[in-house]
């Protein structure tokens, strides 16, 4: 099913040391991370910039950035 693993590197340029998300692609993992971030911080009108890194074994290990709202 080609599930990939992504690690959150930072949110709004603030380093994050925990948080792994799985998905078929980086956008799906970013959406999951964004939803969790907004719910945990009790933010109704949430905006942030997420940076993820692929940590799938034998993956590309690229970094992906998304502006979420």
N, C-alpha and C. Protein backbone atom coordinates (compact mmCIF):
# COMPACT_ATOMS: atom_id res chain seq x y z
N UNK A 1 0.81 -1.20 0.00
CA UNK A 1 0.00 0.00 0.00
C UNK A 1 0.86 1.27 0.00
N UNK A 2 2.18 1.14 0.06
CA UNK A 2 3.10 2.26 -0.05
C UNK A 2 2.90 3.35 1.00
N UNK A 3 2.76 2.97 2.24
CA UNK A 3 2.66 3.95 3.31
C UNK A 3 4.05 4.47 3.63
N UNK A 4 4.17 5.79 3.70
CA UNK A 4 5.44 6.42 3.98
C UNK A 4 5.39 7.07 5.36
N UNK A 5 6.54 7.28 5.96
CA UNK A 5 6.63 7.84 7.32
C UNK A 5 7.31 9.20 7.23
N UNK A 6 6.72 10.20 7.92
CA UNK A 6 7.25 11.55 7.93
C UNK A 6 7.40 12.04 9.37
N UNK A 7 8.43 12.82 9.59
CA UNK A 7 8.71 13.40 10.90
C UNK A 7 8.52 14.90 10.80
N UNK A 8 7.88 15.50 11.81
CA UNK A 8 7.71 16.94 11.85
C UNK A 8 9.03 17.56 12.29
N UNK A 9 9.57 18.45 11.47
CA UNK A 9 10.83 19.12 11.81
C UNK A 9 10.54 20.42 12.56
N UNK A 10 9.64 21.25 12.02
CA UNK A 10 9.27 22.47 12.73
C UNK A 10 7.88 22.94 12.33
N UNK A 11 7.30 23.73 13.22
CA UNK A 11 6.02 24.38 12.98
C UNK A 11 6.25 25.86 13.23
N UNK A 12 5.99 26.68 12.22
CA UNK A 12 6.24 28.13 12.28
C UNK A 12 7.67 28.43 12.72
N UNK A 13 8.63 27.70 12.16
CA UNK A 13 10.06 27.86 12.44
C UNK A 13 10.43 27.61 13.89
N UNK A 14 9.60 26.89 14.63
CA UNK A 14 9.91 26.46 15.99
C UNK A 14 10.22 24.97 15.92
N UNK A 15 11.44 24.56 16.29
CA UNK A 15 11.81 23.14 16.18
C UNK A 15 10.91 22.24 17.03
N UNK A 16 10.52 21.12 16.46
CA UNK A 16 9.70 20.12 17.14
C UNK A 16 10.53 18.84 17.22
N UNK A 17 10.58 18.24 18.40
CA UNK A 17 11.41 17.05 18.58
C UNK A 17 10.62 15.75 18.55
N UNK A 18 9.29 15.83 18.47
CA UNK A 18 8.51 14.59 18.42
C UNK A 18 7.39 14.74 17.40
N UNK A 19 6.89 13.64 16.96
CA UNK A 19 5.78 13.63 16.04
C UNK A 19 6.11 12.93 14.74
N UNK A 20 5.56 11.74 14.56
CA UNK A 20 5.71 10.99 13.32
C UNK A 20 4.31 10.75 12.76
N UNK A 21 4.19 10.91 11.47
CA UNK A 21 2.90 10.73 10.81
C UNK A 21 3.10 9.87 9.58
N UNK A 22 2.12 9.05 9.29
CA UNK A 22 2.18 8.18 8.12
C UNK A 22 1.15 8.63 7.10
N UNK A 23 1.41 8.31 5.87
CA UNK A 23 0.48 8.64 4.80
C UNK A 23 1.03 8.16 3.47
N UNK A 24 0.19 8.24 2.46
CA UNK A 24 0.64 7.86 1.12
C UNK A 24 1.58 8.90 0.54
N UNK A 25 1.51 10.13 1.06
CA UNK A 25 2.37 11.20 0.58
C UNK A 25 2.56 12.24 1.66
N UNK A 26 3.42 13.22 1.43
CA UNK A 26 3.70 14.23 2.44
C UNK A 26 2.51 15.13 2.74
N UNK A 27 1.65 15.38 1.76
CA UNK A 27 0.49 16.24 2.00
C UNK A 27 -0.48 15.60 2.99
N UNK A 28 -0.70 14.32 2.87
CA UNK A 28 -1.60 13.62 3.80
C UNK A 28 -1.04 13.66 5.22
N UNK A 29 0.26 13.46 5.37
CA UNK A 29 0.90 13.52 6.69
C UNK A 29 0.84 14.94 7.25
N UNK A 30 1.02 15.95 6.40
CA UNK A 30 0.96 17.34 6.85
C UNK A 30 -0.44 17.70 7.33
N UNK A 31 -1.45 17.20 6.65
CA UNK A 31 -2.84 17.46 7.09
C UNK A 31 -3.11 16.86 8.46
N UNK A 32 -2.63 15.65 8.68
CA UNK A 32 -2.81 15.01 9.98
C UNK A 32 -2.11 15.80 11.08
N UNK A 33 -0.89 16.23 10.81
CA UNK A 33 -0.12 17.00 11.80
C UNK A 33 -0.79 18.34 12.07
N UNK A 34 -1.27 19.00 11.03
CA UNK A 34 -1.94 20.29 11.19
C UNK A 34 -3.20 20.17 12.04
N UNK A 35 -4.01 19.15 11.75
CA UNK A 35 -5.24 18.95 12.52
C UNK A 35 -4.92 18.69 13.99
N UNK A 36 -3.93 17.87 14.27
CA UNK A 36 -3.57 17.58 15.65
C UNK A 36 -3.04 18.83 16.35
N UNK A 37 -2.22 19.61 15.66
CA UNK A 37 -1.66 20.85 16.22
C UNK A 37 -2.78 21.81 16.62
N UNK A 38 -3.77 21.99 15.75
CA UNK A 38 -4.87 22.92 16.04
C UNK A 38 -5.75 22.43 17.18
N UNK A 39 -6.02 21.14 17.21
CA UNK A 39 -6.87 20.59 18.27
C UNK A 39 -6.17 20.65 19.63
N UNK A 40 -4.90 20.29 19.68
CA UNK A 40 -4.17 20.30 20.94
C UNK A 40 -3.99 21.70 21.50
N UNK A 41 -3.85 22.69 20.62
CA UNK A 41 -3.66 24.07 21.07
C UNK A 41 -4.96 24.86 21.14
N UNK A 42 -6.09 24.20 20.89
CA UNK A 42 -7.41 24.80 21.00
C UNK A 42 -7.54 26.06 20.14
N UNK A 43 -7.07 26.01 18.91
CA UNK A 43 -7.10 27.15 18.01
C UNK A 43 -8.22 26.92 17.00
N UNK A 44 -9.13 27.92 16.89
CA UNK A 44 -10.25 27.77 15.95
C UNK A 44 -9.88 28.25 14.55
N UNK A 45 -9.18 29.37 14.43
CA UNK A 45 -8.76 29.89 13.13
C UNK A 45 -7.25 29.67 13.01
N UNK A 46 -6.87 28.47 12.66
CA UNK A 46 -5.48 28.02 12.75
C UNK A 46 -4.74 28.24 11.43
N UNK A 47 -3.53 28.79 11.50
CA UNK A 47 -2.63 28.96 10.36
C UNK A 47 -1.23 28.62 10.82
N UNK A 48 -0.48 27.90 10.01
CA UNK A 48 0.91 27.61 10.36
C UNK A 48 1.66 27.12 9.13
N UNK A 49 2.98 27.09 9.27
CA UNK A 49 3.85 26.54 8.23
C UNK A 49 4.50 25.30 8.81
N UNK A 50 4.26 24.16 8.18
CA UNK A 50 4.80 22.88 8.63
C UNK A 50 5.95 22.45 7.73
N UNK A 51 6.99 21.92 8.34
CA UNK A 51 8.08 21.32 7.58
C UNK A 51 8.21 19.87 8.03
N UNK A 52 8.14 18.96 7.07
CA UNK A 52 8.25 17.53 7.34
C UNK A 52 9.47 16.97 6.62
N UNK A 53 9.96 15.85 7.15
CA UNK A 53 11.05 15.14 6.50
C UNK A 53 10.65 13.68 6.40
N UNK A 54 10.87 13.10 5.24
CA UNK A 54 10.55 11.68 5.07
C UNK A 54 11.61 10.84 5.78
N UNK A 55 11.15 9.89 6.61
CA UNK A 55 12.07 9.02 7.34
C UNK A 55 11.80 7.55 7.03
N UNK A 56 11.10 7.29 5.93
CA UNK A 56 10.84 5.92 5.50
C UNK A 56 12.16 5.24 5.17
N UNK A 57 12.38 4.02 5.66
CA UNK A 57 13.61 3.31 5.27
C UNK A 57 13.70 3.19 3.75
N UNK A 58 14.85 3.47 3.22
CA UNK A 58 15.11 3.46 1.78
C UNK A 58 14.32 4.52 1.03
N UNK A 59 13.79 5.52 1.76
CA UNK A 59 13.05 6.62 1.12
C UNK A 59 14.00 7.72 0.67
N UNK A 60 13.44 8.80 0.17
CA UNK A 60 14.27 9.88 -0.37
C UNK A 60 14.80 10.82 0.71
N UNK A 61 14.20 10.83 1.88
CA UNK A 61 14.58 11.69 3.01
C UNK A 61 14.53 13.17 2.64
N UNK A 62 13.63 13.54 1.74
CA UNK A 62 13.45 14.93 1.35
C UNK A 62 12.69 15.69 2.42
N UNK A 63 12.83 17.02 2.39
CA UNK A 63 12.07 17.90 3.28
C UNK A 63 10.94 18.53 2.47
N UNK A 64 9.77 18.64 3.09
CA UNK A 64 8.59 19.22 2.46
C UNK A 64 8.04 20.29 3.37
N UNK A 65 7.68 21.45 2.82
CA UNK A 65 7.08 22.53 3.60
C UNK A 65 5.70 22.86 3.04
N UNK A 66 4.75 23.10 3.95
CA UNK A 66 3.37 23.43 3.56
C UNK A 66 2.86 24.57 4.42
N UNK A 67 2.14 25.48 3.78
CA UNK A 67 1.42 26.53 4.51
C UNK A 67 0.00 26.01 4.70
N UNK A 68 -0.39 25.84 5.95
CA UNK A 68 -1.68 25.25 6.28
C UNK A 68 -2.62 26.30 6.86
N UNK A 69 -3.88 26.19 6.50
CA UNK A 69 -4.89 27.07 7.10
C UNK A 69 -6.24 26.39 7.08
